[in-house]
C-alpha atoms as a PDB file:
ATOM      1  CA  MET A   1       0.058  -0.081   0.217  1.00  0.00           C
ATOM      2  CA  VAL A   2       1.202   3.284  -0.860  1.00  0.00           C
ATOM      3  CA  ASP A   3      -0.154   6.800   0.099  1.00  0.00           C
ATOM      4  CA  TRP A   4       0.151   8.119  -3.339  1.00  0.00           C
ATOM      5  CA  LYS A   5      -0.428  11.502  -1.559  1.00  0.00           C
ATOM      6  CA  SER A   6       2.016  12.307   1.002  1.00  0.00           C
ATOM      7  CA  ALA A   7       4.462   9.930  -1.379  1.00  0.00           C
ATOM      8  CA  LEU A   8       4.350  12.751  -3.506  1.00  0.00           C
ATOM      9  CA  ALA A   9       2.923  15.707  -2.052  1.00  0.00           C
ATOM     10  CA  ASP A  10       5.784  18.005  -3.111  1.00  0.00           C
ATOM     11  CA  ALA A  11       6.423  16.562  -6.787  1.00  0.00           C
ATOM     12  CA  SER A  12       5.197  17.994 -10.110  1.00  0.00           C
ATOM     13  CA  TRP A  13       5.882  15.370 -12.238  1.00  0.00           C
ATOM     14  CA  PHE A  14       4.989  11.338 -12.542  1.00  0.00           C
ATOM     15  CA  HIS A  15       6.720   9.283 -14.944  1.00  0.00           C
ATOM     16  CA  ILE A  16       5.788   5.410 -15.366  1.00  0.00           C
ATOM     17  CA  THR A  17       6.865   2.985 -17.775  1.00  0.00           C
ATOM     18  CA  GLY A  18       5.180  -0.201 -18.943  1.00  0.00           C
ATOM     19  CA  ILE A  19       7.617  -2.538 -17.246  1.00  0.00           C
ATOM     20  CA  THR A  20       6.008  -1.631 -14.009  1.00  0.00           C
ATOM     21  CA  PRO A  21       2.152  -3.184 -14.839  1.00  0.00           C
ATOM     22  CA  ALA A  22       4.123  -5.648 -16.608  1.00  0.00           C
ATOM     23  CA  ILE A  23       5.159  -7.625 -13.547  1.00  0.00           C
ATOM     24  CA  SER A  24       2.206  -8.641 -11.871  1.00  0.00           C
ATOM     25  CA  LYS A  25      -1.438  -7.558 -11.438  1.00  0.00           C
ATOM     26  CA  THR A  26      -0.681  -6.058  -8.326  1.00  0.00           C
ATOM     27  CA  CYS A  27       2.140  -4.038  -9.920  1.00  0.00           C
ATOM     28  CA  ALA A  28      -0.580  -3.034 -12.603  1.00  0.00           C
ATOM     29  CA  ASP A  29      -2.985  -2.298 -10.039  1.00  0.00           C
ATOM     30  CA  SER A  30      -1.070  -0.147  -8.377  1.00  0.00           C
ATOM     31  CA  SER A  31       0.242   1.841 -11.489  1.00  0.00           C
ATOM     32  CA  LEU A  32      -3.372   2.830 -12.299  1.00  0.00           C
ATOM     33  CA  GLU A  33      -3.596   3.631  -8.671  1.00  0.00           C
ATOM     34  CA  ALA A  34      -1.140   6.049  -8.676  1.00  0.00           C
ATOM     35  CA  VAL A  35      -1.666   7.252 -12.012  1.00  0.00           C
ATOM     36  CA  THR A  36      -5.106   8.168 -10.871  1.00  0.00           C
ATOM     37  CA  THR A  37      -4.312   9.904  -7.849  1.00  0.00           C
ATOM     38  CA  VAL A  38      -1.399  12.105  -9.411  1.00  0.00           C
ATOM     39  CA  LYS A  39      -3.946  13.131 -11.898  1.00  0.00           C
ATOM     40  CA  LYS A  40      -6.174  14.198  -9.454  1.00  0.00           C
ATOM     41  CA  MET A  41      -3.309  16.034  -7.550  1.00  0.00           C
ATOM     42  CA  GLY A  42      -2.739  18.007 -10.770  1.00  0.00           C
ATOM     43  CA  LEU A  43       0.664  16.683 -11.459  1.00  0.00           C
ATOM     44  CA  THR A  44       1.807  16.314 -15.387  1.00  0.00           C
ATOM     45  CA  VAL A  45       1.880  12.290 -15.619  1.00  0.00           C
ATOM     46  CA  SER A  46       4.437  10.901 -18.535  1.00  0.00           C
ATOM     47  CA  VAL A  47       3.971   7.276 -19.465  1.00  0.00           C
ATOM     48  CA  ASP A  48       6.771   5.272 -21.133  1.00  0.00           C
ATOM     49  CA  LEU A  49       5.084   1.997 -23.079  1.00  0.00           C
ATOM     50  CA  ASN A  50       8.192   0.408 -22.802  1.00  0.00           C
ATOM     51  CA  TYR A  51       6.947  -3.083 -23.954  1.00  0.00           C
ATOM     52  CA  CYS A  52       8.225  -6.227 -22.882  1.00  0.00           C
ATOM     53  CA  ALA A  53       6.621  -9.303 -23.975  1.00  0.00           C
ATOM     54  CA  LYS A  54       8.493 -11.463 -21.414  1.00  0.00           C
ATOM     55  CA  LEU A  55       7.005  -9.697 -18.649  1.00  0.00           C
ATOM     56  CA  TRP A  56       3.225  -9.501 -19.706  1.00  0.00           C
ATOM     57  CA  LYS A  57       2.608 -13.168 -18.312  1.00  0.00           C
ATOM     58  CA  TRP A  58       0.308 -12.959 -15.462  1.00  0.00           C
ATOM     59  CA  GLY A  59      -2.736 -12.724 -17.440  1.00  0.00           C
ATOM     60  CA  GLU A  60      -4.280  -9.005 -18.126  1.00  0.00           C
ATOM     61  CA  PRO A  61      -2.972  -7.805 -22.044  1.00  0.00           C
ATOM     62  CA  ALA A  62      -0.651  -5.507 -21.909  1.00  0.00           C
ATOM     63  CA  ARG A  63      -3.477  -3.252 -24.367  1.00  0.00           C
ATOM     64  CA  GLU A  64      -5.767  -3.120 -21.440  1.00  0.00           C
ATOM     65  CA  VAL A  65      -3.699  -1.802 -19.202  1.00  0.00           C
ATOM     66  CA  MET A  66      -1.751   0.588 -21.321  1.00  0.00           C
ATOM     67  CA  THR A  67      -4.983   1.795 -22.784  1.00  0.00           C
ATOM     68  CA  GLU A  68      -5.655   3.024 -19.284  1.00  0.00           C
ATOM     69  CA  LEU A  69      -2.523   4.384 -18.454  1.00  0.00           C
ATOM     70  CA  VAL A  70      -1.956   6.158 -21.331  1.00  0.00           C
ATOM     71  CA  LYS A  71      -5.500   7.511 -21.230  1.00  0.00           C
ATOM     72  CA  SER A  72      -5.013   9.759 -18.328  1.00  0.00           C
ATOM     73  CA  SER A  73      -1.123  10.432 -19.413  1.00  0.00           C
ATOM     74  CA  ASP A  74      -0.380  14.254 -20.312  1.00  0.00           C
ATOM     75  CA  ILE A  75       2.592  12.909 -22.340  1.00  0.00           C
ATOM     76  CA  ALA A  76       2.908   9.284 -23.728  1.00  0.00           C
ATOM     77  CA  VAL A  77       6.527   7.922 -25.178  1.00  0.00           C
ATOM     78  CA  GLY A  78       7.677   4.918 -27.005  1.00  0.00           C
ATOM     79  CA  ASN A  79       9.358   3.428 -29.994  1.00  0.00           C
ATOM     80  CA  GLU A  80       7.597   1.769 -33.061  1.00  0.00           C
ATOM     81  CA  GLU A  81       7.717  -1.717 -31.565  1.00  0.00           C
ATOM     82  CA  ASP A  82       5.779  -0.518 -28.524  1.00  0.00           C
ATOM     83  CA  ALA A  83       3.083   0.801 -30.678  1.00  0.00           C
ATOM     84  CA  GLU A  84       2.806  -2.141 -32.874  1.00  0.00           C
ATOM     85  CA  LYS A  85       2.858  -4.623 -29.971  1.00  0.00           C
ATOM     86  CA  VAL A  86       0.425  -3.139 -27.742  1.00  0.00           C
ATOM     87  CA  PHE A  87      -1.913  -0.925 -29.746  1.00  0.00           C
ATOM     88  CA  GLY A  88      -1.458  -2.750 -33.614  1.00  0.00           C
ATOM     89  CA  ILE A  89      -0.133   0.660 -34.682  1.00  0.00           C
ATOM     90  CA  GLN A  90       3.010   0.241 -37.515  1.00  0.00           C
ATOM     91  CA  ALA A  91       5.133   2.647 -38.777  1.00  0.00           C
ATOM     92  CA  PRO A  92       5.517   2.096 -42.705  1.00  0.00           C
ATOM     93  CA  ASP A  93       8.955   1.724 -44.082  1.00  0.00           C
ATOM     94  CA  VAL A  94      10.887   1.288 -40.985  1.00  0.00           C
ATOM     95  CA  ASP A  95      13.718  -1.187 -41.039  1.00  0.00           C
ATOM     96  CA  VAL A  96      15.544  -0.587 -37.848  1.00  0.00           C
ATOM     97  CA  THR A  97      17.762  -3.690 -37.830  1.00  0.00           C
ATOM     98  CA  ALA A  98      19.041  -2.255 -41.432  1.00  0.00           C
ATOM     99  CA  GLY A  99      19.554   0.897 -39.660  1.00  0.00           C
ATOM    100  CA  LYS A 100      16.744   2.252 -41.951  1.00  0.00           C
ATOM    101  CA  ALA A 101      14.788   4.550 -39.574  1.00  0.00           C
ATOM    102  CA  GLU A 102      13.807   7.619 -41.053  1.00  0.00           C
ATOM    103  CA  PRO A 103      11.593  10.443 -38.803  1.00  0.00           C
ATOM    104  CA  GLN A 104       9.105  11.686 -41.076  1.00  0.00           C
ATOM    105  CA  SER A 105       8.411   7.574 -41.059  1.00  0.00           C
ATOM    106  CA  TYR A 106       6.997   7.926 -37.423  1.00  0.00           C
ATOM    107  CA  ARG A 107       4.627  10.523 -38.410  1.00  0.00           C
ATOM    108  CA  THR A 108       1.741   7.573 -38.769  1.00  0.00           C
ATOM    109  CA  VAL A 109       2.119   6.072 -35.555  1.00  0.00           C
ATOM    110  CA  ALA A 110       2.178   9.713 -33.586  1.00  0.00           C
ATOM    111  CA  GLU A 111      -0.806  10.580 -35.515  1.00  0.00           C
ATOM    112  CA  LYS A 112      -2.831   7.474 -34.870  1.00  0.00           C
ATOM    113  CA  LEU A 113      -1.691   7.437 -31.550  1.00  0.00           C
ATOM    114  CA  SER A 114      -3.066  10.786 -31.057  1.00  0.00           C
ATOM    115  CA  LYS A 115      -6.056   9.819 -32.370  1.00  0.00           C
ATOM    116  CA  GLN A 116      -6.607   7.149 -30.346  1.00  0.00           C
ATOM    117  CA  PHE A 117      -5.458   8.844 -27.009  1.00  0.00           C
ATOM    118  CA  PRO A 118      -6.738  12.524 -27.307  1.00  0.00           C
ATOM    119  CA  ASN A 119      -5.969  13.457 -23.569  1.00  0.00           C
ATOM    120  CA  PRO A 120      -1.809  13.444 -23.965  1.00  0.00           C
ATOM    121  CA  LYS A 121      -0.530  16.628 -25.262  1.00  0.00           C
ATOM    122  CA  THR A 122       2.413  15.089 -26.430  1.00  0.00           C
ATOM    123  CA  ILE A 123       3.097  11.773 -28.340  1.00  0.00           C
ATOM    124  CA  ALA A 124       6.954  11.164 -28.283  1.00  0.00           C
ATOM    125  CA  ILE A 125       8.357   8.816 -30.645  1.00  0.00           C
ATOM    126  CA  THR A 126      12.136   7.143 -29.913  1.00  0.00           C
ATOM    127  CA  ILE A 127      13.960   6.389 -32.951  1.00  0.00           C
ATOM    128  CA  ARG A 128      16.544   3.723 -32.866  1.00  0.00           C
ATOM    129  CA  GLY A 129      18.578   2.510 -36.018  1.00  0.00           C
ATOM    130  CA  SER A 130      20.402  -0.630 -35.516  1.00  0.00           C
ATOM    131  CA  THR A 131      23.110  -1.057 -38.047  1.00  0.00           C
ATOM    132  CA  ASN A 132      25.067  -3.148 -35.944  1.00  0.00           C
ATOM    133  CA  ALA A 133      25.762  -3.997 -32.314  1.00  0.00           C
ATOM    134  CA  ASN A 134      28.995  -1.168 -32.058  1.00  0.00           C
ATOM    135  CA  TRP A 135      26.435   1.200 -34.275  1.00  0.00           C
ATOM    136  CA  ASN A 136      23.122   2.814 -34.081  1.00  0.00           C
ATOM    137  CA  THR A 137      21.452   5.888 -35.023  1.00  0.00           C
ATOM    138  CA  TRP A 138      19.086   7.511 -32.501  1.00  0.00           C
ATOM    139  CA  SER A 139      16.659  10.443 -33.213  1.00  0.00           C
ATOM    140  CA  GLY A 140      13.299  11.277 -31.637  1.00  0.00           C
ATOM    141  CA  VAL A 141      10.022  12.700 -33.126  1.00  0.00           C
ATOM    142  CA  PRO A 142       7.308  14.478 -30.618  1.00  0.00           C
ATOM    143  CA  PHE A 143       4.053  15.279 -32.134  1.00  0.00           C
ATOM    144  CA  ASP A 144       1.464  17.568 -30.029  1.00  0.00           C
ATOM    145  CA  GLY A 145      -1.743  16.746 -32.043  1.00  0.00           C
ATOM    146  CA  LYS A 146      -0.848  19.791 -34.660  1.00  0.00           C
ATOM    147  CA  LYS A 147       2.711  19.861 -35.573  1.00  0.00           C
ATOM    148  CA  PHE A 148       4.935  16.930 -35.971  1.00  0.00           C
ATOM    149  CA  TYR A 149       8.745  18.184 -35.143  1.00  0.00           C
ATOM    150  CA  THR A 150      11.727  16.090 -35.707  1.00  0.00           C
ATOM    151  CA  ALA A 151      15.171  16.130 -34.066  1.00  0.00           C
ATOM    152  CA  PRO A 152      18.613  15.522 -35.926  1.00  0.00           C
ATOM    153  CA  ILE A 153      19.395  11.857 -36.374  1.00  0.00           C
ATOM    154  CA  TYR A 154      22.635  10.740 -34.404  1.00  0.00           C
ATOM    155  CA  GLU A 155      25.156   8.508 -35.360  1.00  0.00           C
ATOM    156  CA  ILE A 156      25.936   6.520 -32.015  1.00  0.00           C
ATOM    157  CA  THR A 157      29.815   4.468 -32.630  1.00  0.00           C
ATOM    158  CA  GLU A 158      31.811   2.432 -30.697  1.00  0.00           C
ATOM    159  CA  ILE A 159      29.153   1.604 -28.347  1.00  0.00           C
ATOM    160  CA  VAL A 160      30.431  -0.362 -25.486  1.00  0.00           C
ATOM    161  CA  ASP A 161      27.187  -0.916 -23.243  1.00  0.00           C
ATOM    162  CA  ARG A 162      23.729  -0.046 -24.667  1.00  0.00           C
ATOM    163  CA  VAL A 163      21.662   1.927 -23.208  1.00  0.00           C
ATOM    164  CA  ALA A 164      17.864   1.914 -23.372  1.00  0.00           C
ATOM    165  CA  ALA A 165      16.904   4.453 -25.777  1.00  0.00           C
ATOM    166  CA  GLY A 166      13.260   4.574 -24.062  1.00  0.00           C
ATOM    167  CA  ASP A 167      14.598   5.412 -21.155  1.00  0.00           C
ATOM    168  CA  ALA A 168      17.364   7.671 -22.444  1.00  0.00           C
ATOM    169  CA  PHE A 169      14.859   9.855 -24.315  1.00  0.00           C
ATOM    170  CA  ALA A 170      12.229  10.236 -21.515  1.00  0.00           C
ATOM    171  CA  GLY A 171      14.843  11.050 -19.230  1.00  0.00           C
ATOM    172  CA  GLY A 172      16.125  13.958 -21.468  1.00  0.00           C
ATOM    173  CA  PHE A 173      12.114  14.776 -22.707  1.00  0.00           C
ATOM    174  CA  ILE A 174      11.335  15.252 -19.261  1.00  0.00           C
END
């Protein structure tokens, strides 16, 4: 049991990742309770879709739980795979394993998520192209419901230990 009002009394922002509700029904219920409570408190809520199939084994499908979290969020962050696996939304002409990850290809994903979930003010898509284990490209595309913004594509070479692109992007975006 978490007293969300006390625990977050001085907070202005609450961020949650899709990993948390994927762990168990108790974690999913706690995630939904937290988001509902902090919204009533007036906090900004961001949610990272962060889909991990190996964790969603406890019964409820990711789509059911994540729909409720995204509906209550102000900002939703994810990548094209999260959008496809959770909500069935695909990015056209994308092949991240071949390093093909052009920002404009993600506009459709952002627009469809925005249409399905009108509450979030911003839908932000992380983009990672994987040329190989040591060479990736990174970028991101936020969509505010009207304007689609594109960031530069960064070449990341000589990778020693990959960091999660979504976590890094969400942290920087927030």
